[in-house]
């Protein structure tokens, strides 16, 4: 029963449209969670984490609280016009189409390393569309730079994307240690994105100079200063090992308390993406049910031949499985499923790093590979259209090259340190 419910849920998580029932990803996850409880696979006490045994907690509240805190901090940055100001500054520094693409990619990657990449894509896409339209440039290369560099940059930290947050909650790895290993793969992946886009679109992007003058947004300097200082404090708390979830939420509470704005905190709280939080909570219940029924172990045994043999072969097999399965299952559900497998590997720490790298870079493979991609091209609907196959011709080489380089760096780092 648990497997049947999981497969039913997966149909909608994968974005498959059925004439009936007409469920989307959040709806499918909610129905799947309800079915797990109604069928008796998961007890209501496990859903609400009533048990004193953490192993009987279905929902990872630390991940949800961390995501909530980062969303609130990002919203205050947005209200202070930080994203528009940072984007406008980067674009003013670029005077050729190629430099403009580099500026867009670096800005997207850098911001995504510290804030949730989906938020960065949501904030940068409208600004990029305005600039490329004003400069009469093809929008597709720049939109790809936003989403693909966002995915690559988010590899660097636990707070870069939702799947890394899940890995932090399951692994308990220190924030500083994770950054030390993942920063270089993130930088190399971003460089591959830039080089790949410049090569693929070399005919569309000339070396001729042009002037871009995006309007300077009115910045709320007191709010911006308060929020940036608070975020620096939150990141410092991450590095010294304080609980990440409550550090982020405490930072959001500080900004709410000290911000001198006419807008009440209620407005910021209302703008939180509660659909995403509910989606995660329901997925936790569905995957917990699969694990409880023993199907996660059975699935692992199916793929275990790919990871049999010496540690290096195990690592390569797990890396390949992560890259492929993150596109088949979607990266967040796969990470939820694979969290139970990593501790059984020869080198679990390397396994967590490989899972973060593969599940994140897998988002660059296809148009529907990550939520960031969908956000960018949904926001650009009517101004830029890109087919699934059109994305694939760019996504395949960039993803494979960046993944191979990133994996090689991780293996070298673990061998040396």
Protein backbone atom coordinates (compact mmCIF):
# COMPACT_ATOMS: atom_id res chain seq x y z
CA UNK A 1 0.00 0.00 0.00
CA UNK A 2 2.80 2.42 0.92
CA UNK A 3 4.52 1.89 -2.44
CA UNK A 4 1.25 2.35 -4.35
CA UNK A 5 0.60 5.65 -2.55
CA UNK A 6 4.15 6.79 -3.24
CA UNK A 7 3.84 5.99 -6.96
CA UNK A 8 0.47 7.76 -7.10
CA UNK A 9 2.06 10.83 -5.47
CA UNK A 10 5.10 10.66 -7.75
CA UNK A 11 2.91 10.99 -10.86
CA UNK A 12 1.96 14.50 -9.77
CA UNK A 13 5.35 15.41 -8.28
CA UNK A 14 6.85 14.65 -11.70
CA UNK A 15 4.49 17.20 -13.24
CA UNK A 16 2.46 14.65 -15.22
CA UNK A 17 -0.93 16.11 -16.12
CA UNK A 18 -3.90 13.77 -15.94
CA UNK A 19 -7.47 14.55 -17.07
CA UNK A 20 -8.63 13.22 -13.69
CA UNK A 21 -7.75 13.85 -10.95
CA UNK A 22 -6.42 17.27 -11.90
CA UNK A 23 -3.81 17.59 -9.16
CA UNK A 24 -0.60 19.61 -9.28
CA UNK A 25 2.58 19.00 -7.24
CA UNK A 26 1.36 20.44 -3.91
CA UNK A 27 -2.08 18.87 -4.33
CA UNK A 28 -0.62 15.48 -5.18
CA UNK A 29 1.71 15.60 -2.17
CA UNK A 30 -1.17 16.55 0.15
CA UNK A 31 -3.39 13.74 -1.11
CA UNK A 32 -0.47 11.29 -0.80
CA UNK A 33 0.14 12.31 2.83
CA UNK A 34 -3.54 11.94 3.68
CA UNK A 35 -3.64 8.50 2.05
CA UNK A 36 -0.62 7.39 4.09
CA UNK A 37 -2.50 8.25 7.30
CA UNK A 38 -5.90 6.93 6.17
CA UNK A 39 -4.34 3.63 5.06
CA UNK A 40 -2.70 3.25 8.47
CA UNK A 41 0.85 3.33 7.12
CA UNK A 42 1.68 6.46 9.12
CA UNK A 43 0.07 7.24 12.47
CA UNK A 44 -1.21 10.78 13.18
CA UNK A 45 1.11 10.88 16.21
CA UNK A 46 4.06 10.36 13.83
CA UNK A 47 2.88 13.17 11.56
CA UNK A 48 2.67 15.58 14.51
CA UNK A 49 5.97 14.32 16.00
CA UNK A 50 4.38 13.45 19.35
CA UNK A 51 6.78 10.58 20.06
CA UNK A 52 9.87 11.15 22.22
CA UNK A 53 11.78 8.99 19.72
CA UNK A 54 13.09 11.18 16.86
CA UNK A 55 13.06 8.12 14.57
CA UNK A 56 9.24 8.18 14.79
CA UNK A 57 8.97 11.79 13.64
CA UNK A 58 7.62 11.97 10.09
CA UNK A 59 8.08 15.72 9.51
CA UNK A 60 11.51 17.36 9.71
CA UNK A 61 10.54 20.56 11.49
CA UNK A 62 14.12 21.89 11.52
CA UNK A 63 14.13 22.04 7.72
CA UNK A 64 10.73 23.77 7.59
CA UNK A 65 11.75 26.33 10.23
CA UNK A 66 15.05 27.02 8.41
CA UNK A 67 13.20 27.53 5.13
CA UNK A 68 10.66 29.81 6.83
CA UNK A 69 13.39 31.94 8.42
CA UNK A 70 15.33 32.33 5.17
CA UNK A 71 12.13 33.24 3.28
CA UNK A 72 11.35 36.00 5.77
CA UNK A 73 14.89 37.41 5.61
CA UNK A 74 14.79 37.32 1.80
CA UNK A 75 11.45 39.14 1.83
CA UNK A 76 12.88 41.97 3.95
CA UNK A 77 15.82 42.24 1.55
CA UNK A 78 13.35 42.45 -1.29
CA UNK A 79 11.33 45.17 0.45
CA UNK A 80 14.52 47.15 0.90
CA UNK A 81 15.09 46.87 -2.90
CA UNK A 82 18.35 44.95 -2.38
CA UNK A 83 17.83 42.55 -5.28
CA UNK A 84 16.88 45.28 -7.73
CA UNK A 85 19.79 47.46 -6.61
CA UNK A 86 22.33 44.59 -6.81
CA UNK A 87 21.05 43.57 -10.24
CA UNK A 88 21.04 47.12 -11.56
CA UNK A 89 24.59 47.70 -10.28
CA UNK A 90 25.88 44.53 -11.95
CA UNK A 91 24.17 45.37 -15.22
CA UNK A 92 25.55 48.91 -15.29
CA UNK A 93 29.06 47.47 -15.11
CA UNK A 94 28.56 45.38 -18.25
CA UNK A 95 29.07 47.14 -21.59
CA UNK A 96 28.96 44.25 -24.05
CA UNK A 97 26.44 41.42 -24.48
CA UNK A 98 29.01 38.86 -23.34
CA UNK A 99 30.00 40.79 -20.22
CA UNK A 100 26.33 41.29 -19.46
CA UNK A 101 25.80 37.52 -19.46
CA UNK A 102 28.81 37.06 -17.17
CA UNK A 103 27.48 39.74 -14.80
CA UNK A 104 24.02 38.18 -14.69
CA UNK A 105 25.41 34.69 -14.02
CA UNK A 106 27.85 35.78 -11.29
CA UNK A 107 25.20 37.89 -9.55
CA UNK A 108 22.69 35.02 -9.62
CA UNK A 109 25.24 32.45 -8.42
CA UNK A 110 26.64 34.61 -5.61
CA UNK A 111 23.27 35.58 -4.18
CA UNK A 112 22.00 31.99 -4.48
CA UNK A 113 24.92 30.76 -2.39
CA UNK A 114 23.49 32.51 0.68
CA UNK A 115 19.75 32.75 0.02
CA UNK A 116 17.32 30.22 -1.41
CA UNK A 117 17.95 30.07 -5.17
CA UNK A 118 14.24 30.07 -6.05
CA UNK A 119 13.90 33.48 -4.41
CA UNK A 120 16.87 34.86 -6.35
CA UNK A 121 15.38 33.73 -9.66
CA UNK A 122 12.05 35.29 -8.77
CA UNK A 123 13.70 38.64 -8.02
CA UNK A 124 16.25 38.82 -10.85
CA UNK A 125 14.18 37.63 -13.81
CA UNK A 126 11.98 40.76 -14.25
CA UNK A 127 15.02 43.05 -14.05
CA UNK A 128 16.97 41.01 -16.62
CA UNK A 129 13.99 41.02 -18.99
CA UNK A 130 13.75 44.82 -18.82
CA UNK A 131 17.47 45.30 -19.53
CA UNK A 132 17.73 42.87 -22.46
CA UNK A 133 14.60 44.34 -24.02
CA UNK A 134 16.03 47.84 -23.70
CA UNK A 135 19.35 46.72 -25.23
CA UNK A 136 17.55 44.68 -27.93
CA UNK A 137 19.34 41.46 -26.97
CA UNK A 138 18.02 37.89 -27.21
CA UNK A 139 16.53 37.06 -23.79
CA UNK A 140 17.10 33.26 -23.77
CA UNK A 141 20.87 33.28 -22.97
CA UNK A 142 20.36 35.66 -20.07
CA UNK A 143 17.37 33.79 -18.66
CA UNK A 144 19.42 30.59 -18.80
CA UNK A 145 22.25 32.43 -17.02
CA UNK A 146 19.86 33.37 -14.20
CA UNK A 147 18.48 29.88 -13.52
CA UNK A 148 21.51 27.71 -14.36
CA UNK A 149 23.99 29.87 -12.43
CA UNK A 150 21.51 30.02 -9.57
CA UNK A 151 21.47 26.23 -9.38
CA UNK A 152 25.27 26.06 -9.58
CA UNK A 153 25.90 28.75 -6.97
CA UNK A 154 23.43 27.22 -4.53
CA UNK A 155 25.65 24.12 -4.30
CA UNK A 156 27.99 26.02 -1.98
CA UNK A 157 25.92 26.20 1.22
CA UNK A 158 23.16 24.48 3.15
CA UNK A 159 20.93 27.54 2.68
CA UNK A 160 21.37 27.72 -1.10
CA UNK A 161 18.45 25.46 -1.97
CA UNK A 162 15.78 23.29 -0.31
CA UNK A 163 17.48 19.94 -0.96
CA UNK A 164 20.67 21.14 0.76
CA UNK A 165 18.55 22.15 3.75
CA UNK A 166 17.21 18.59 3.86
CA UNK A 167 20.76 17.24 3.75
CA UNK A 168 21.79 19.50 6.63
CA UNK A 169 18.94 18.25 8.78
CA UNK A 170 19.70 14.60 8.05
CA UNK A 171 23.50 14.72 8.15
CA UNK A 172 24.18 17.10 11.01
CA UNK A 173 27.33 18.25 9.20
CA UNK A 174 28.80 21.59 10.34
CA UNK A 175 27.97 24.52 8.08
CA UNK A 176 31.61 25.60 7.82
CA UNK A 177 32.80 22.13 6.86
CA UNK A 178 30.15 21.84 4.16
CA UNK A 179 31.11 25.22 2.67
CA UNK A 180 34.82 24.31 2.75
CA UNK A 181 34.20 21.26 0.58
CA UNK A 182 31.43 22.61 -1.67
CA UNK A 183 32.63 26.15 -2.47
CA UNK A 184 35.11 25.14 -5.17
CA UNK A 185 32.67 22.77 -6.97
CA UNK A 186 30.13 25.62 -6.93
CA UNK A 187 32.63 28.08 -8.43
CA UNK A 188 33.69 25.60 -11.13
CA UNK A 189 30.08 24.76 -11.95
CA UNK A 190 29.25 28.43 -12.35
CA UNK A 191 32.29 28.91 -14.59
CA UNK A 192 31.12 25.99 -16.77
CA UNK A 193 27.66 27.57 -17.03
CA UNK A 194 29.17 30.87 -18.17
CA UNK A 195 31.60 29.26 -20.63
CA UNK A 196 28.92 26.93 -21.98
CA UNK A 197 26.38 29.69 -22.59
CA UNK A 198 28.98 31.95 -24.20
CA UNK A 199 29.94 29.11 -26.54
CA UNK A 200 26.43 27.95 -27.44
CA UNK A 201 25.20 31.51 -28.05
CA UNK A 202 28.45 32.87 -29.53
CA UNK A 203 26.68 33.99 -32.71
CA UNK A 204 23.90 35.82 -30.87
CA UNK A 205 26.21 37.60 -28.40
CA UNK A 206 28.55 40.12 -30.01
CA UNK A 207 31.52 42.05 -28.61
CA UNK A 208 30.00 45.43 -29.54
CA UNK A 209 29.63 47.91 -26.69
CA UNK A 210 26.30 49.24 -25.56
CA UNK A 211 25.06 51.25 -22.62
CA UNK A 212 22.50 49.88 -20.19
CA UNK A 213 20.87 52.29 -17.82
CA UNK A 214 18.41 50.39 -15.64
CA UNK A 215 16.55 52.83 -13.43
CA UNK A 216 18.07 53.05 -9.95
CA UNK A 217 15.47 51.70 -7.52
CA UNK A 218 14.68 53.68 -4.36
CA UNK A 219 16.54 51.77 -1.65
CA UNK A 220 15.31 51.70 1.95
CA UNK A 221 18.77 52.15 3.46
CA UNK A 222 17.86 51.68 7.15
CA UNK A 223 15.97 48.46 6.41
CA UNK A 224 18.70 47.25 4.04
CA UNK A 225 21.44 47.91 6.60
CA UNK A 226 19.48 46.20 9.38
CA UNK A 227 18.71 43.14 7.25
CA UNK A 228 22.24 42.73 5.88
CA UNK A 229 23.79 43.02 9.34
CA UNK A 230 21.27 40.50 10.67
CA UNK A 231 21.99 38.06 7.83
CA UNK A 232 25.73 38.36 8.52
CA UNK A 233 24.97 37.52 12.13
CA UNK A 234 22.86 34.53 11.08
CA UNK A 235 25.62 33.24 8.80
CA UNK A 236 28.13 33.70 11.63
CA UNK A 237 25.82 31.64 13.84
CA UNK A 238 25.81 28.93 11.15
CA UNK A 239 29.61 28.88 11.08
CA UNK A 240 30.04 28.59 14.84
CA UNK A 241 27.62 25.68 14.96
CA UNK A 242 24.43 27.13 16.44
CA UNK A 243 21.15 25.47 15.32
CA UNK A 244 20.56 26.70 11.78
CA UNK A 245 16.77 26.64 11.89
CA UNK A 246 16.41 28.79 14.99
CA UNK A 247 19.30 31.05 14.03
CA UNK A 248 17.49 31.92 10.79
CA UNK A 249 14.13 32.39 12.50
CA UNK A 250 15.73 34.46 15.28
CA UNK A 251 17.29 36.68 12.60
CA UNK A 252 13.88 37.18 10.98
CA UNK A 253 12.42 38.06 14.39
CA UNK A 254 15.16 40.65 14.98
CA UNK A 255 14.44 42.38 11.67
CA UNK A 256 10.68 42.32 12.36
CA UNK A 257 11.21 43.89 15.78
CA UNK A 258 13.69 46.62 14.80
CA UNK A 259 12.48 47.55 11.29
CA UNK A 260 10.96 51.03 11.25
CA UNK A 261 8.46 50.67 8.47
CA UNK A 262 4.87 51.70 8.04
CA UNK A 263 4.17 48.19 6.76
CA UNK A 264 3.39 45.79 9.64
CA UNK A 265 5.24 42.45 9.95
CA UNK A 266 1.98 40.74 9.05
CA UNK A 267 2.57 41.68 5.40
CA UNK A 268 5.97 39.96 5.32
CA UNK A 269 4.52 36.89 7.00
CA UNK A 270 1.68 36.78 4.46
CA UNK A 271 4.18 36.77 1.58
CA UNK A 272 5.85 33.56 2.79
CA UNK A 273 5.39 30.69 0.32
CA UNK A 274 3.27 28.49 2.57
CA UNK A 275 2.40 26.29 -0.39
CA UNK A 276 6.07 25.27 -0.58
CA UNK A 277 6.19 24.61 3.18
CA UNK A 278 3.04 22.48 2.99
CA UNK A 279 4.44 20.65 -0.04
CA UNK A 280 7.58 19.78 1.93
CA UNK A 281 5.63 18.69 5.00
CA UNK A 282 3.43 16.38 2.93
CA UNK A 283 6.44 14.92 1.11
CA UNK A 284 8.04 14.18 4.47
CA UNK A 285 4.97 12.13 5.42
CA UNK A 286 4.88 10.24 2.11
CA UNK A 287 8.59 9.37 2.14
CA UNK A 288 8.43 8.47 5.85
CA UNK A 289 5.65 6.01 5.01
CA UNK A 290 7.77 4.43 2.26
CA UNK A 291 10.71 4.12 4.64
CA UNK A 292 8.56 2.72 7.45
CA UNK A 293 7.12 0.05 5.17
CA UNK A 294 10.62 -1.00 4.13
CA UNK A 295 10.30 0.00 0.49
CA UNK A 296 13.20 2.46 0.66
CA UNK A 297 15.49 -0.45 1.57
CA UNK A 298 14.05 -2.52 -1.26
CA UNK A 299 14.61 0.32 -3.73
CA UNK A 300 18.18 0.66 -2.46
CA UNK A 301 18.79 -3.06 -3.01
CA UNK A 302 17.62 -2.68 -6.62
CA UNK A 303 20.29 -0.05 -7.26
CA UNK A 304 22.97 -1.49 -4.97
CA UNK A 305 24.68 -3.43 -7.81
CA UNK A 306 25.59 -0.04 -9.31
CA UNK A 307 27.40 0.81 -6.08
CA UNK A 308 29.04 -2.51 -5.28
CA UNK A 309 32.80 -2.92 -5.06
CA UNK A 310 35.52 -0.61 -3.72
CA UNK A 311 34.71 2.84 -2.27
CA UNK A 312 35.56 4.72 -5.48
CA UNK A 313 33.10 2.60 -7.48
CA UNK A 314 30.44 3.02 -4.81
CA UNK A 315 30.88 6.79 -4.97
CA UNK A 316 30.69 6.93 -8.76
CA UNK A 317 27.63 4.68 -8.80
CA UNK A 318 25.86 6.76 -6.17
CA UNK A 319 26.78 9.96 -8.01
CA UNK A 320 25.34 8.68 -11.29
CA UNK A 321 22.20 7.42 -9.56
CA UNK A 322 21.74 10.80 -7.88
CA UNK A 323 22.06 12.71 -11.16
CA UNK A 324 19.58 10.49 -13.02
CA UNK A 325 17.09 9.87 -10.22
CA UNK A 326 16.94 13.57 -9.31
CA UNK A 327 15.48 14.20 -12.76
CA UNK A 328 13.17 11.18 -12.68
CA UNK A 329 11.88 11.64 -9.12
CA UNK A 330 12.61 15.39 -8.83
CA UNK A 331 15.52 16.32 -6.61
CA UNK A 332 13.70 17.08 -3.35
CA UNK A 333 11.76 13.77 -3.15
CA UNK A 334 14.87 11.82 -4.15
CA UNK A 335 16.96 13.47 -1.45
CA UNK A 336 14.26 12.62 1.08
CA UNK A 337 14.43 9.00 -0.06
CA UNK A 338 18.24 8.79 -0.29
CA UNK A 339 18.83 10.26 3.19
CA UNK A 340 18.35 6.76 4.60
CA UNK A 341 20.99 5.30 2.25
CA UNK A 342 23.93 7.65 2.78
CA UNK A 343 24.87 6.44 6.31
CA UNK A 344 25.39 2.93 4.88
CA UNK A 345 28.09 4.09 2.43
CA UNK A 346 31.80 3.56 3.08
CA UNK A 347 32.32 7.32 3.47
CA UNK A 348 29.03 8.92 4.57
CA UNK A 349 30.46 12.46 4.64
CA UNK A 350 31.54 12.14 1.00
CA UNK A 351 28.13 10.62 0.30
CA UNK A 352 26.34 13.69 1.67
CA UNK A 353 28.52 15.98 -0.43
CA UNK A 354 27.91 13.90 -3.57
CA UNK A 355 24.16 13.89 -2.88
CA UNK A 356 24.16 17.70 -2.56
CA UNK A 357 26.22 18.16 -5.72
CA UNK A 358 24.31 15.69 -7.88
CA UNK A 359 20.80 16.59 -6.78
CA UNK A 360 21.46 20.31 -7.29
CA UNK A 361 23.32 20.21 -10.61
CA UNK A 362 20.70 17.77 -11.90
CA UNK A 363 18.43 20.80 -11.99
CA UNK A 364 20.44 22.17 -14.92
CA UNK A 365 19.86 19.08 -17.06
CA UNK A 366 16.26 19.68 -18.19
CA UNK A 367 13.79 22.56 -18.28
CA UNK A 368 11.69 20.92 -15.55
CA UNK A 369 14.73 19.74 -13.58
CA UNK A 370 14.43 22.42 -10.90
CA UNK A 371 11.85 24.84 -9.58
CA UNK A 372 14.30 27.68 -10.35
CA UNK A 373 14.09 26.90 -14.08
CA UNK A 374 10.30 26.89 -14.00
CA UNK A 375 10.18 30.18 -12.07
CA UNK A 376 12.39 31.94 -14.62
CA UNK A 377 10.57 30.80 -17.75
CA UNK A 378 7.11 31.18 -16.22
CA UNK A 379 8.02 34.78 -15.35
CA UNK A 380 9.23 35.27 -18.94
CA UNK A 381 6.12 33.77 -20.53
CA UNK A 382 5.09 35.84 -23.54
CA UNK A 383 8.53 37.46 -23.81
CA UNK A 384 10.74 34.40 -24.25
CA UNK A 385 9.79 30.84 -25.12
CA UNK A 386 12.14 27.86 -24.85
CA UNK A 387 11.18 24.30 -25.77
CA UNK A 388 12.12 21.25 -23.72
CA UNK A 389 14.51 20.08 -26.44
CA UNK A 390 15.92 23.57 -26.90
CA UNK A 391 16.86 23.63 -23.22
CA UNK A 392 18.20 20.08 -23.38
CA UNK A 393 20.83 20.90 -26.01
CA UNK A 394 22.30 23.42 -23.58
CA UNK A 395 21.57 21.53 -20.36
CA UNK A 396 23.17 18.18 -21.22
CA UNK A 397 26.74 19.36 -21.92
CA UNK A 398 26.78 21.99 -19.16
CA UNK A 399 25.40 19.58 -16.56
CA UNK A 400 27.67 16.68 -17.45
CA UNK A 401 30.84 18.77 -17.60
CA UNK A 402 30.11 20.66 -14.37
CA UNK A 403 29.10 17.45 -12.59
CA UNK A 404 32.24 15.58 -13.64
CA UNK A 405 34.48 18.49 -12.61
CA UNK A 406 32.65 18.98 -9.32
CA UNK A 407 32.81 15.27 -8.50
CA UNK A 408 36.53 15.17 -9.33
CA UNK A 409 37.14 18.10 -6.99
CA UNK A 410 35.17 16.47 -4.18
CA UNK A 411 37.11 13.22 -4.54
CA UNK A 412 40.41 15.14 -4.54
CA UNK A 413 39.41 17.18 -1.50
CA UNK A 414 38.42 14.09 0.46
CA UNK A 415 41.62 12.32 -0.57
CA UNK A 416 43.78 15.25 0.54
CA UNK A 417 41.91 16.40 3.64
